[in-house]
Amino acid sequence: SPFRCQLEKKLYLHNMGHAGCAYLGTYLGKTYIYESISIHGVELLTRAAMAESIAALSKKYQVPAQELMDHRDDLVYRFHNKALGDSCARVGADIPRKMAPEDRLIGAARLCQSQGIPPVYIALNAGAALYHYLNDGKSAQDEAAARQALRELSGLNPEDELALLILRFHRLFAQGAPLDELIRFAREEKHRLVGPVV
């Protein structure tokens, strides 16, 4: 496989899914990755975000999707491993790096967009990261601060389609939305952007 494909698989599939699981776990008051992924809704959202990356990587590099899905399933299995002792704080640390334009969250979303795949579930992860970044400074409720922070972290124009999606998810996190509401909103956004498939 191309070396670049292997790099992007590690960053945009493994690392992106791991980070998203960490931010959702922190939001739900969990300490460890295994605790976060053990919540059914978190596993569903993690798998869905990773599926977006899988679709993009498969299309870009002509890698069989089944091979990437098997890799995802193995990764999720490992996320459940209590013995690893991975904490949500450690995995989710250094949000400015992880929200950088080419890193695991924004980079994965941009990869999807380049392949015509709406990165809704990856945007949810980015919205969670943005919420935690701002919450450290007690400004998570400030939408102007969220727009400015997103621009500074990711280079995204606040009017960019991806930025608007991330900011909508951020707003839900800032409002304390329950997990089932986040899932419902993501599902509706995915359908809106993809449309009916017949």
Protein backbone atom coordinates (compact mmCIF):
# COMPACT_ATOMS: atom_id res chain seq x y z
CA SER A 1 0.00 0.00 0.00
CA PRO A 2 1.21 3.57 -0.58
CA PHE A 3 3.11 4.97 2.39
CA ARG A 4 0.87 8.03 2.43
CA CYS A 5 -2.16 5.76 2.75
CA GLN A 6 -0.63 4.10 5.80
CA LEU A 7 0.06 7.49 7.40
CA GLU A 8 -3.47 8.70 6.74
CA LYS A 9 -4.96 5.43 7.95
CA LYS A 10 -3.13 5.83 11.27
CA LEU A 11 -4.00 9.49 11.67
CA TYR A 12 -7.49 9.74 10.18
CA LEU A 13 -8.86 6.34 11.20
CA HIS A 14 -7.10 5.19 14.37
CA ASN A 15 -6.12 8.50 15.97
CA MET A 16 -9.31 10.31 14.96
CA GLY A 17 -11.53 7.56 16.37
CA HIS A 18 -9.48 7.34 19.57
CA ALA A 19 -9.64 11.12 20.13
CA GLY A 20 -13.38 11.28 19.45
CA CYS A 21 -13.99 8.48 21.93
CA ALA A 22 -11.93 10.43 24.49
CA TYR A 23 -13.85 13.69 24.04
CA LEU A 24 -17.22 11.95 24.25
CA GLY A 25 -16.07 10.06 27.34
CA THR A 26 -14.93 13.25 29.04
CA TYR A 27 -18.25 14.90 28.17
CA LEU A 28 -20.07 12.00 29.81
CA GLY A 29 -17.89 12.08 32.94
CA LYS A 30 -15.79 9.00 32.18
CA THR A 31 -12.12 8.70 33.07
CA TYR A 32 -10.92 5.91 30.80
CA ILE A 33 -11.31 5.06 27.13
CA TYR A 34 -12.66 1.60 27.96
CA GLU A 35 -15.40 3.24 30.07
CA SER A 36 -16.29 5.61 27.23
CA ILE A 37 -16.42 3.00 24.46
CA SER A 38 -18.50 0.73 26.72
CA ILE A 39 -21.38 3.20 26.37
CA HIS A 40 -23.40 1.95 23.41
CA GLY A 41 -24.00 5.41 21.96
CA VAL A 42 -20.32 6.31 22.14
CA GLU A 43 -19.34 3.14 20.32
CA LEU A 44 -21.99 3.86 17.69
CA LEU A 45 -20.68 7.42 17.13
CA THR A 46 -17.05 6.26 17.14
CA ARG A 47 -17.74 3.57 14.55
CA ALA A 48 -19.72 6.02 12.41
CA ALA A 49 -16.91 8.59 12.40
CA MET A 50 -14.39 5.90 11.54
CA ALA A 51 -16.70 4.68 8.74
CA GLU A 52 -16.52 8.13 7.13
CA SER A 53 -12.72 7.93 7.11
CA ILE A 54 -12.89 4.38 5.78
CA ALA A 55 -15.07 5.46 2.86
CA ALA A 56 -12.69 8.32 2.04
CA LEU A 57 -9.49 6.26 2.34
CA SER A 58 -10.97 3.43 0.28
CA LYS A 59 -12.03 5.81 -2.47
CA LYS A 60 -8.79 7.82 -2.52
CA TYR A 61 -6.35 4.91 -2.40
CA GLN A 62 -8.47 2.11 -3.90
CA VAL A 63 -8.07 0.06 -0.72
CA PRO A 64 -10.83 -2.55 -0.18
CA ALA A 65 -13.32 -1.11 2.30
CA GLN A 66 -13.66 -4.50 4.01
CA GLU A 67 -9.95 -4.48 4.89
CA LEU A 68 -10.35 -1.06 6.51
CA MET A 69 -13.55 -2.07 8.31
CA ASP A 70 -11.78 -5.11 9.76
CA HIS A 71 -9.03 -2.78 10.98
CA ARG A 72 -11.63 -0.48 12.54
CA ASP A 73 -13.29 -3.40 14.31
CA ASP A 74 -9.94 -4.47 15.72
CA LEU A 75 -9.24 -0.93 16.92
CA VAL A 76 -12.62 -0.64 18.62
CA TYR A 77 -12.02 -4.02 20.26
CA ARG A 78 -8.74 -2.64 21.61
CA PHE A 79 -10.44 0.51 22.88
CA HIS A 80 -12.45 -1.81 25.15
CA ASN A 81 -9.27 -3.21 26.71
CA LYS A 82 -9.26 -2.09 30.35
CA ALA A 83 -5.69 -3.34 30.84
CA LEU A 84 -4.34 -0.64 28.49
CA GLY A 85 -5.27 2.01 31.05
CA ASP A 86 -5.75 4.71 28.40
CA SER A 87 -7.32 7.77 29.99
CA CYS A 88 -9.64 10.14 28.16
CA ALA A 89 -7.52 13.03 29.43
CA ARG A 90 -4.33 11.64 27.91
CA VAL A 91 -5.85 10.59 24.60
CA GLY A 92 -7.70 13.90 24.25
CA ALA A 93 -4.82 16.13 25.36
CA ASP A 94 -3.29 18.91 23.25
CA ILE A 95 -6.45 19.96 21.45
CA PRO A 96 -4.69 22.70 19.42
CA ARG A 97 -2.55 20.03 17.75
CA LYS A 98 -5.44 17.64 17.24
CA MET A 99 -7.61 20.38 15.68
CA ALA A 100 -4.84 21.57 13.35
CA PRO A 101 -5.71 21.69 9.62
CA GLU A 102 -3.92 18.45 8.70
CA ASP A 103 -4.28 16.54 11.96
CA ARG A 104 -6.72 13.83 13.01
CA LEU A 105 -9.99 15.76 13.24
CA ILE A 106 -9.93 18.53 10.64
CA GLY A 107 -7.59 16.55 8.39
CA ALA A 108 -9.94 13.56 8.42
CA ALA A 109 -12.93 15.80 7.72
CA ARG A 110 -11.13 17.47 4.82
CA LEU A 111 -10.12 14.08 3.42
CA CYS A 112 -13.78 13.07 3.43
CA GLN A 113 -14.84 16.29 1.75
CA SER A 114 -12.20 15.80 -0.95
CA GLN A 115 -13.81 12.43 -1.75
CA GLY A 116 -17.39 13.71 -1.72
CA ILE A 117 -18.24 12.23 1.70
CA PRO A 118 -19.98 14.50 4.25
CA PRO A 119 -17.93 14.19 7.48
CA VAL A 120 -20.85 14.56 9.88
CA TYR A 121 -19.68 12.21 12.63
CA ILE A 122 -16.10 13.49 12.41
CA ALA A 123 -17.52 17.02 12.77
CA LEU A 124 -19.31 15.83 15.91
CA ASN A 125 -15.93 14.77 17.32
CA ALA A 126 -14.46 18.14 16.37
CA GLY A 127 -17.39 19.90 18.04
CA ALA A 128 -16.70 17.95 21.22
CA ALA A 129 -13.01 18.86 21.05
CA LEU A 130 -13.87 22.54 20.58
CA TYR A 131 -16.27 22.41 23.52
CA HIS A 132 -13.60 20.96 25.82
CA TYR A 133 -11.01 23.45 24.57
CA LEU A 134 -13.27 26.40 25.38
CA ASN A 135 -14.65 24.86 28.56
CA ASP A 136 -11.17 24.98 30.09
CA GLY A 137 -11.48 28.76 29.94
CA LYS A 138 -15.17 28.81 30.91
CA SER A 139 -16.17 30.28 27.54
CA ALA A 140 -17.88 27.23 26.05
CA GLN A 141 -21.23 29.05 25.93
CA ASP A 142 -19.80 32.00 23.97
CA GLU A 143 -20.57 31.40 20.29
CA ALA A 144 -18.34 34.24 19.11
CA ALA A 145 -15.48 32.70 21.09
CA ALA A 146 -16.24 29.33 19.51
CA ARG A 147 -16.09 30.78 15.98
CA GLN A 148 -12.84 32.57 16.73
CA ALA A 149 -11.26 29.53 18.39
CA LEU A 150 -12.23 27.28 15.50
CA ARG A 151 -10.62 29.66 13.02
CA GLU A 152 -7.43 29.88 15.11
CA LEU A 153 -7.19 26.14 15.71
CA SER A 154 -8.15 24.79 12.32
CA GLY A 155 -7.82 27.64 9.86
CA LEU A 156 -11.48 27.20 8.93
CA ASN A 157 -13.50 30.25 7.94
CA PRO A 158 -16.53 30.30 10.30
CA GLU A 159 -18.79 30.44 7.23
CA ASP A 160 -17.23 27.31 5.71
CA GLU A 161 -19.71 24.41 5.48
CA LEU A 162 -17.51 22.23 7.70
CA ALA A 163 -17.06 25.01 10.26
CA LEU A 164 -20.82 25.60 10.43
CA LEU A 165 -21.41 21.90 11.07
CA ILE A 166 -18.74 21.76 13.79
CA LEU A 167 -20.21 24.88 15.42
CA ARG A 168 -23.70 23.36 15.42
CA PHE A 169 -22.36 20.33 17.26
CA HIS A 170 -20.39 22.59 19.61
CA ARG A 171 -23.61 24.41 20.46
CA LEU A 172 -25.28 21.12 21.43
CA PHE A 173 -22.35 20.19 23.69
CA ALA A 174 -22.39 23.66 25.26
CA GLN A 175 -26.11 23.23 25.96
CA GLY A 176 -25.45 19.91 27.71
CA ALA A 177 -27.33 17.85 25.11
CA PRO A 178 -27.79 14.18 26.08
CA LEU A 179 -26.09 11.53 24.00
CA ASP A 180 -29.30 10.43 22.28
CA GLU A 181 -29.91 13.99 21.09
CA LEU A 182 -26.40 14.18 19.65
CA ILE A 183 -26.98 10.89 17.83
CA ARG A 184 -30.36 12.02 16.49
CA PHE A 185 -28.97 15.33 15.25
CA ALA A 186 -26.00 13.64 13.57
CA ARG A 187 -28.29 11.12 11.89
CA GLU A 188 -30.54 13.90 10.57
CA GLU A 189 -27.58 15.93 9.30
CA LYS A 190 -26.14 12.90 7.53
CA HIS A 191 -29.44 12.26 5.80
CA ARG A 192 -29.80 15.92 4.86
CA LEU A 193 -26.34 16.02 3.29
CA VAL A 194 -26.39 12.60 1.62
CA GLY A 195 -30.08 12.47 0.74
CA PRO A 196 -32.07 9.34 -0.01
CA VAL A 197 -30.13 6.51 -1.62
CA VAL A 198 -32.14 4.22 -3.89
